[in-house]
Amino acid sequence: MARINLDMDVLRTFVTARDLGGFNRAAAHLGRSQSAISQQMRKLEDQTGQPVFQREGRGTILTEQGERLLSYARRILELNDETLEAVNGFSISGSVRFGLPGDFSESWLPTLLGIFKRAHPGVLIEVFVERNGLLFEQLDQGALDFVLAFGGGGRPDALPLAILPTVWIGPSPDIILALTPEAPIDLALYGHPCRFRRTGLELLDKAGTPWRVTFTSRSLQGLWAATGAGLGLTFRTPVGLPNHLSVLPDRPGLPRGPGIEVCLHDGCRPLSPARKAFRDAVMEATQEHLRPIRL
């Protein structure tokens, strides 16, 4: 009996469809039509001689044979990519789409991205700066390859890198002297939904501290500017804190917040050599810069 060679492109489409949760998302991610994806899956079933998908409700799930094939497909693709990397003398190419919040984009990460780009000129890096919620949405839809985010530790794709303190920030430590128990504290915060906003307000409510949001912004620069101008205190981590702002000392009615985890997320998808190199570089640099932060 003649040996059958599995189509590598079909295997990659198969793994992508499984990881993204359906043919529609795989088609959008790969830039192909849904009919083209379906045709590739039929080809895979013809090559293996086994049903790979079965109907369940309005969607499809993997058969027992499909689950077994998925494990082998991941190993085949990983070995294929490693082989090409070795043959090419570790010269990698490809693209990486990276999402992160403004806290990191305005501090040390751009330097890392520049170093990576110079070391791997064949890799195209696309960076998207947004809030956590939207970044996770884009990652799950296949529009991003990696997301560096606050929290998300409960996700199966979370790679924990550091735990940061959450603190109150003002124009100077002396601002504490102007606060009185009776007067509401003016706040400069992101609008809803925002993890830091929710946590900060919960802390104040629990402490019985009156507050009012006097400045709402969609940008981190806007928060820093408003806080520096004395329009309100803000609540975040000290990452990327401008020199003209200060972490406020603990005091009754203004409690320090809990630690927050920083995780890198990859959507549980197979990594090309370019993406693996990028992931390793981000993980190493993030741990190097964030682990020493203690207050």
Protein backbone atom coordinates (compact mmCIF):
# COMPACT_ATOMS: atom_id res chain seq x y z
CA MET A 1 0.00 0.00 0.00
CA ALA A 2 1.41 3.39 -1.02
CA ARG A 3 2.19 5.84 1.78
CA ILE A 4 0.09 9.00 1.87
CA ASN A 5 1.82 12.31 2.61
CA LEU A 6 -0.38 14.61 4.65
CA ASP A 7 -0.69 18.12 3.26
CA MET A 8 1.14 20.50 5.62
CA ASP A 9 -1.03 23.48 4.67
CA VAL A 10 -4.17 21.46 5.34
CA LEU A 11 -2.84 20.40 8.74
CA ARG A 12 -2.09 24.02 9.64
CA THR A 13 -5.62 25.04 8.63
CA PHE A 14 -7.03 22.16 10.68
CA VAL A 15 -5.16 23.24 13.83
CA THR A 16 -6.11 26.88 13.27
CA ALA A 17 -9.80 26.01 12.90
CA ARG A 18 -9.71 24.00 16.09
CA ASP A 19 -7.87 26.68 18.09
CA LEU A 20 -10.09 29.53 16.90
CA GLY A 21 -13.30 27.59 17.43
CA GLY A 22 -14.68 27.22 13.92
CA PHE A 23 -14.31 27.54 10.17
CA ASN A 24 -15.53 31.15 10.04
CA ARG A 25 -12.83 32.43 12.38
CA ALA A 26 -10.19 30.30 10.69
CA ALA A 27 -11.21 31.72 7.31
CA ALA A 28 -10.93 35.30 8.62
CA HIS A 29 -7.60 34.59 10.27
CA LEU A 30 -6.10 32.91 7.19
CA GLY A 31 -7.63 35.30 4.66
CA ARG A 32 -9.56 32.56 2.84
CA SER A 33 -13.20 31.84 2.13
CA GLN A 34 -15.17 29.48 4.35
CA SER A 35 -15.75 27.18 1.38
CA ALA A 36 -11.98 26.94 0.84
CA ILE A 37 -11.52 25.97 4.49
CA SER A 38 -14.28 23.36 4.24
CA GLN A 39 -12.69 21.94 1.10
CA GLN A 40 -9.37 21.57 2.90
CA MET A 41 -11.05 19.72 5.77
CA ARG A 42 -12.68 17.32 3.31
CA LYS A 43 -9.24 16.73 1.79
CA LEU A 44 -7.89 15.95 5.26
CA GLU A 45 -10.64 13.39 5.82
CA ASP A 46 -9.90 11.85 2.43
CA GLN A 47 -6.19 11.61 3.23
CA THR A 48 -6.69 10.08 6.67
CA GLY A 49 -9.65 7.94 5.66
CA GLN A 50 -11.41 8.97 8.86
CA PRO A 51 -14.13 11.47 9.80
CA VAL A 52 -12.46 14.39 11.57
CA PHE A 53 -15.48 16.58 12.37
CA GLN A 54 -19.05 15.78 13.32
CA ARG A 55 -22.13 17.97 13.59
CA GLU A 56 -23.34 19.16 16.98
CA GLY A 57 -26.23 21.59 16.93
CA ARG A 58 -25.38 24.38 14.52
CA GLY A 59 -21.66 23.82 14.79
CA THR A 60 -19.10 21.05 14.51
CA ILE A 61 -16.86 19.27 17.00
CA LEU A 62 -13.93 16.94 16.58
CA THR A 63 -14.54 13.22 16.44
CA GLU A 64 -12.43 10.86 18.53
CA GLN A 65 -10.20 10.36 15.48
CA GLY A 66 -10.06 14.13 15.02
CA GLU A 67 -8.85 14.67 18.59
CA ARG A 68 -6.13 12.08 18.06
CA LEU A 69 -5.15 13.69 14.76
CA LEU A 70 -4.97 17.14 16.40
CA SER A 71 -2.24 16.01 18.78
CA TYR A 72 -0.15 14.60 15.93
CA ALA A 73 -0.81 17.63 13.72
CA ARG A 74 0.64 19.98 16.35
CA ARG A 75 3.78 17.86 16.62
CA ILE A 76 4.17 17.63 12.83
CA LEU A 77 3.83 21.40 12.39
CA GLU A 78 6.23 22.13 15.23
CA LEU A 79 8.84 19.77 13.75
CA ASN A 80 8.30 21.27 10.30
CA ASP A 81 8.92 24.78 11.62
CA GLU A 82 11.96 23.71 13.64
CA THR A 83 13.42 21.99 10.57
CA LEU A 84 13.08 25.10 8.43
CA GLU A 85 14.62 27.20 11.19
CA ALA A 86 17.62 24.86 11.47
CA VAL A 87 18.16 24.59 7.70
CA ASN A 88 18.02 28.36 7.30
CA GLY A 89 20.70 28.88 9.94
CA PHE A 90 18.24 30.28 12.51
CA SER A 91 17.31 33.17 10.23
CA ILE A 92 13.61 33.64 10.86
CA SER A 93 10.91 35.50 9.01
CA GLY A 94 7.19 36.00 9.30
CA SER A 95 4.88 38.34 11.15
CA VAL A 96 3.83 38.94 14.75
CA ARG A 97 0.73 40.87 15.83
CA PHE A 98 1.16 42.05 19.39
CA GLY A 99 -1.41 43.73 21.65
CA LEU A 100 -0.67 45.52 24.90
CA PRO A 101 -2.08 48.24 27.18
CA GLY A 102 -0.72 51.77 27.22
CA ASP A 103 1.10 51.18 30.51
CA PHE A 104 3.66 49.02 28.71
CA SER A 105 3.68 50.76 25.33
CA GLU A 106 4.86 54.01 26.90
CA SER A 107 7.63 52.56 29.04
CA TRP A 108 10.31 49.93 28.29
CA LEU A 109 8.61 47.69 25.73
CA PRO A 110 9.22 49.86 22.63
CA THR A 111 12.96 49.51 23.30
CA LEU A 112 12.59 45.72 23.40
CA LEU A 113 10.62 45.71 20.15
CA GLY A 114 13.34 47.76 18.48
CA ILE A 115 16.04 45.36 19.66
CA PHE A 116 14.04 42.36 18.42
CA LYS A 117 13.44 44.02 15.05
CA ARG A 118 17.14 44.69 14.55
CA ALA A 119 18.00 41.11 15.53
CA HIS A 120 15.32 39.65 13.23
CA PRO A 121 14.84 42.05 10.29
CA GLY A 122 12.78 39.46 8.43
CA VAL A 123 10.01 39.56 11.04
CA LEU A 124 7.22 42.12 10.63
CA ILE A 125 5.95 43.32 14.02
CA GLU A 126 2.52 44.94 14.21
CA VAL A 127 1.66 46.53 17.55
CA PHE A 128 -1.84 47.37 18.81
CA VAL A 129 -2.34 49.44 21.98
CA GLU A 130 -5.75 48.99 23.58
CA ARG A 131 -7.55 48.06 26.76
CA ASN A 132 -7.47 44.50 28.07
CA GLY A 133 -11.03 43.61 27.11
CA LEU A 134 -10.65 44.55 23.45
CA LEU A 135 -7.22 42.93 23.24
CA PHE A 136 -8.56 39.59 24.48
CA GLU A 137 -11.45 39.86 22.04
CA GLN A 138 -9.05 40.37 19.12
CA LEU A 139 -6.81 37.53 20.32
CA ASP A 140 -9.73 35.10 20.51
CA GLN A 141 -10.85 36.13 17.01
CA GLY A 142 -7.39 35.46 15.60
CA ALA A 143 -6.63 39.13 14.91
CA LEU A 144 -3.67 39.10 17.34
CA ASP A 145 -0.94 36.55 18.02
CA PHE A 146 0.01 37.72 21.52
CA VAL A 147 -1.44 39.91 24.23
CA LEU A 148 0.47 41.22 27.23
CA ALA A 149 -2.17 42.15 29.76
CA PHE A 150 -3.07 42.79 33.36
CA GLY A 151 -4.90 39.82 34.83
CA GLY A 152 -6.31 37.05 32.67
CA GLY A 153 -4.62 34.44 34.84
CA GLY A 154 -7.70 32.23 34.64
CA ARG A 155 -7.39 31.83 30.87
CA PRO A 156 -5.86 28.55 29.64
CA ASP A 157 -3.33 30.45 27.51
CA ALA A 158 -1.99 32.62 30.36
CA LEU A 159 1.77 32.66 30.93
CA PRO A 160 2.23 34.46 34.31
CA LEU A 161 5.24 36.79 34.30
CA ALA A 162 4.96 39.09 37.33
CA ILE A 163 2.69 40.41 40.06
CA LEU A 164 2.55 44.18 40.42
CA PRO A 165 1.23 46.34 43.27
CA THR A 166 -1.74 48.62 42.64
CA VAL A 167 -1.41 52.09 44.17
CA TRP A 168 -2.92 55.54 44.40
CA ILE A 169 -1.06 58.15 42.36
CA GLY A 170 -1.05 61.93 42.71
CA PRO A 171 0.98 65.00 41.73
CA SER A 172 3.07 64.71 44.92
CA PRO A 173 2.97 62.93 48.30
CA ASP A 174 1.96 66.25 49.89
CA ILE A 175 -1.49 65.97 48.29
CA ILE A 176 -2.34 63.64 51.17
CA LEU A 177 -2.22 66.60 53.56
CA ALA A 178 -5.01 68.34 51.64
CA LEU A 179 -7.41 65.41 51.91
CA THR A 180 -10.08 65.54 54.60
CA PRO A 181 -12.39 62.71 55.71
CA GLU A 182 -15.51 64.77 55.00
CA ALA A 183 -14.72 65.96 51.46
CA PRO A 184 -15.00 63.54 48.53
CA ILE A 185 -11.76 62.60 46.81
CA ASP A 186 -11.55 63.77 43.21
CA LEU A 187 -10.55 60.97 40.83
CA ALA A 188 -9.14 60.75 37.31
CA LEU A 189 -9.96 57.33 35.85
CA TYR A 190 -10.61 55.37 32.69
CA GLY A 191 -14.26 55.00 31.74
CA HIS A 192 -16.14 51.71 32.04
CA PRO A 193 -15.16 48.92 31.72
CA CYS A 194 -11.84 49.18 33.54
CA ARG A 195 -10.37 46.78 36.07
CA PHE A 196 -8.44 49.53 37.88
CA ARG A 197 -11.46 51.81 38.07
CA ARG A 198 -13.63 49.05 39.52
CA THR A 199 -11.02 47.95 42.07
CA GLY A 200 -10.17 51.50 43.16
CA LEU A 201 -13.79 52.47 43.71
CA GLU A 202 -14.46 49.24 45.61
CA LEU A 203 -11.52 50.00 47.92
CA LEU A 204 -12.84 53.50 48.65
CA ASP A 205 -16.37 52.25 49.26
CA LYS A 206 -15.11 49.56 51.62
CA ALA A 207 -13.07 52.18 53.52
CA GLY A 208 -16.10 54.49 53.69
CA THR A 209 -14.27 57.20 51.76
CA PRO A 210 -16.48 59.55 49.70
CA TRP A 211 -15.35 60.05 46.10
CA ARG A 212 -16.32 61.61 42.79
CA VAL A 213 -14.92 61.00 39.31
CA THR A 214 -14.00 64.42 37.95
CA PHE A 215 -11.94 63.34 34.92
CA THR A 216 -12.58 60.41 32.58
CA SER A 217 -10.18 59.50 29.80
CA ARG A 218 -9.65 56.76 27.24
CA SER A 219 -5.88 57.30 27.15
CA LEU A 220 -3.21 56.77 29.77
CA GLN A 221 -1.53 60.03 28.78
CA GLY A 222 -4.81 61.80 29.55
CA LEU A 223 -4.89 60.28 33.04
CA TRP A 224 -1.28 61.23 33.72
CA ALA A 225 -1.90 64.81 32.54
CA ALA A 226 -5.05 65.21 34.62
CA THR A 227 -3.40 63.75 37.71
CA GLY A 228 -0.36 65.99 37.30
CA ALA A 229 -2.61 69.04 36.97
CA GLY A 230 -4.31 68.21 40.26
CA LEU A 231 -7.68 67.32 38.73
CA GLY A 232 -7.85 64.04 40.62
CA LEU A 233 -5.99 61.04 41.97
CA THR A 234 -5.72 57.92 39.84
CA PHE A 235 -5.36 54.23 40.68
CA ARG A 236 -3.02 51.95 38.72
CA THR A 237 0.27 50.09 38.91
CA PRO A 238 3.48 52.15 39.07
CA VAL A 239 4.59 50.85 35.65
CA GLY A 240 5.54 53.72 33.36
CA LEU A 241 4.86 56.32 36.06
CA PRO A 242 6.01 59.76 34.80
CA ASN A 243 8.64 61.57 36.86
CA HIS A 244 6.25 64.39 37.78
CA LEU A 245 3.84 62.00 39.55
CA SER A 246 4.20 60.13 42.84
CA VAL A 247 2.91 56.98 44.47
CA LEU A 248 0.94 58.14 47.51
CA PRO A 249 1.72 56.70 50.95
CA ASP A 250 -0.82 54.57 52.76
CA ARG A 251 -3.29 56.44 54.91
CA PRO A 252 -6.69 55.73 56.46
CA GLY A 253 -9.41 56.04 53.86
CA LEU A 254 -7.01 55.59 50.94
CA PRO A 255 -6.01 51.92 51.12
CA ARG A 256 -3.45 50.29 48.88
CA GLY A 257 -4.89 47.78 46.45
CA PRO A 258 -4.19 44.10 45.83
CA GLY A 259 -1.43 42.79 43.59
CA ILE A 260 -2.32 42.29 39.95
CA GLU A 261 -0.87 39.61 37.70
CA VAL A 262 0.79 40.39 34.38
CA CYS A 263 0.43 37.58 31.84
CA LEU A 264 1.38 36.92 28.24
CA HIS A 265 -1.34 35.20 26.20
CA ASP A 266 -0.91 33.32 22.91
CA GLY A 267 -4.43 32.04 22.27
CA CYS A 268 -3.20 28.42 22.63
CA ARG A 269 -2.18 28.42 18.98
CA PRO A 270 0.89 26.76 17.40
CA LEU A 271 3.93 29.02 17.25
CA SER A 272 5.97 29.65 14.14
CA PRO A 273 9.72 30.18 14.66
CA ALA A 274 9.19 33.95 14.47
CA ARG A 275 6.43 33.90 17.06
CA LYS A 276 8.31 31.56 19.37
CA ALA A 277 11.36 33.84 19.28
CA PHE A 278 9.14 36.86 19.93
CA ARG A 279 7.34 35.16 22.82
CA ASP A 280 10.62 34.19 24.48
CA ALA A 281 12.00 37.73 24.09
CA VAL A 282 8.88 39.36 25.57
CA MET A 283 8.75 36.92 28.48
CA GLU A 284 12.41 37.43 29.37
CA ALA A 285 12.26 41.23 29.11
CA THR A 286 8.96 41.51 30.99
CA GLN A 287 10.23 39.44 33.89
CA GLU A 288 13.48 41.40 33.96
CA HIS A 289 11.71 44.78 34.11
CA LEU A 290 8.68 43.97 36.25
CA ARG A 291 9.86 41.44 38.82
CA PRO A 292 11.97 44.03 40.73
CA ILE A 293 8.97 46.37 41.21
CA ARG A 294 8.03 46.32 44.89
CA LEU A 295 6.51 49.00 47.10
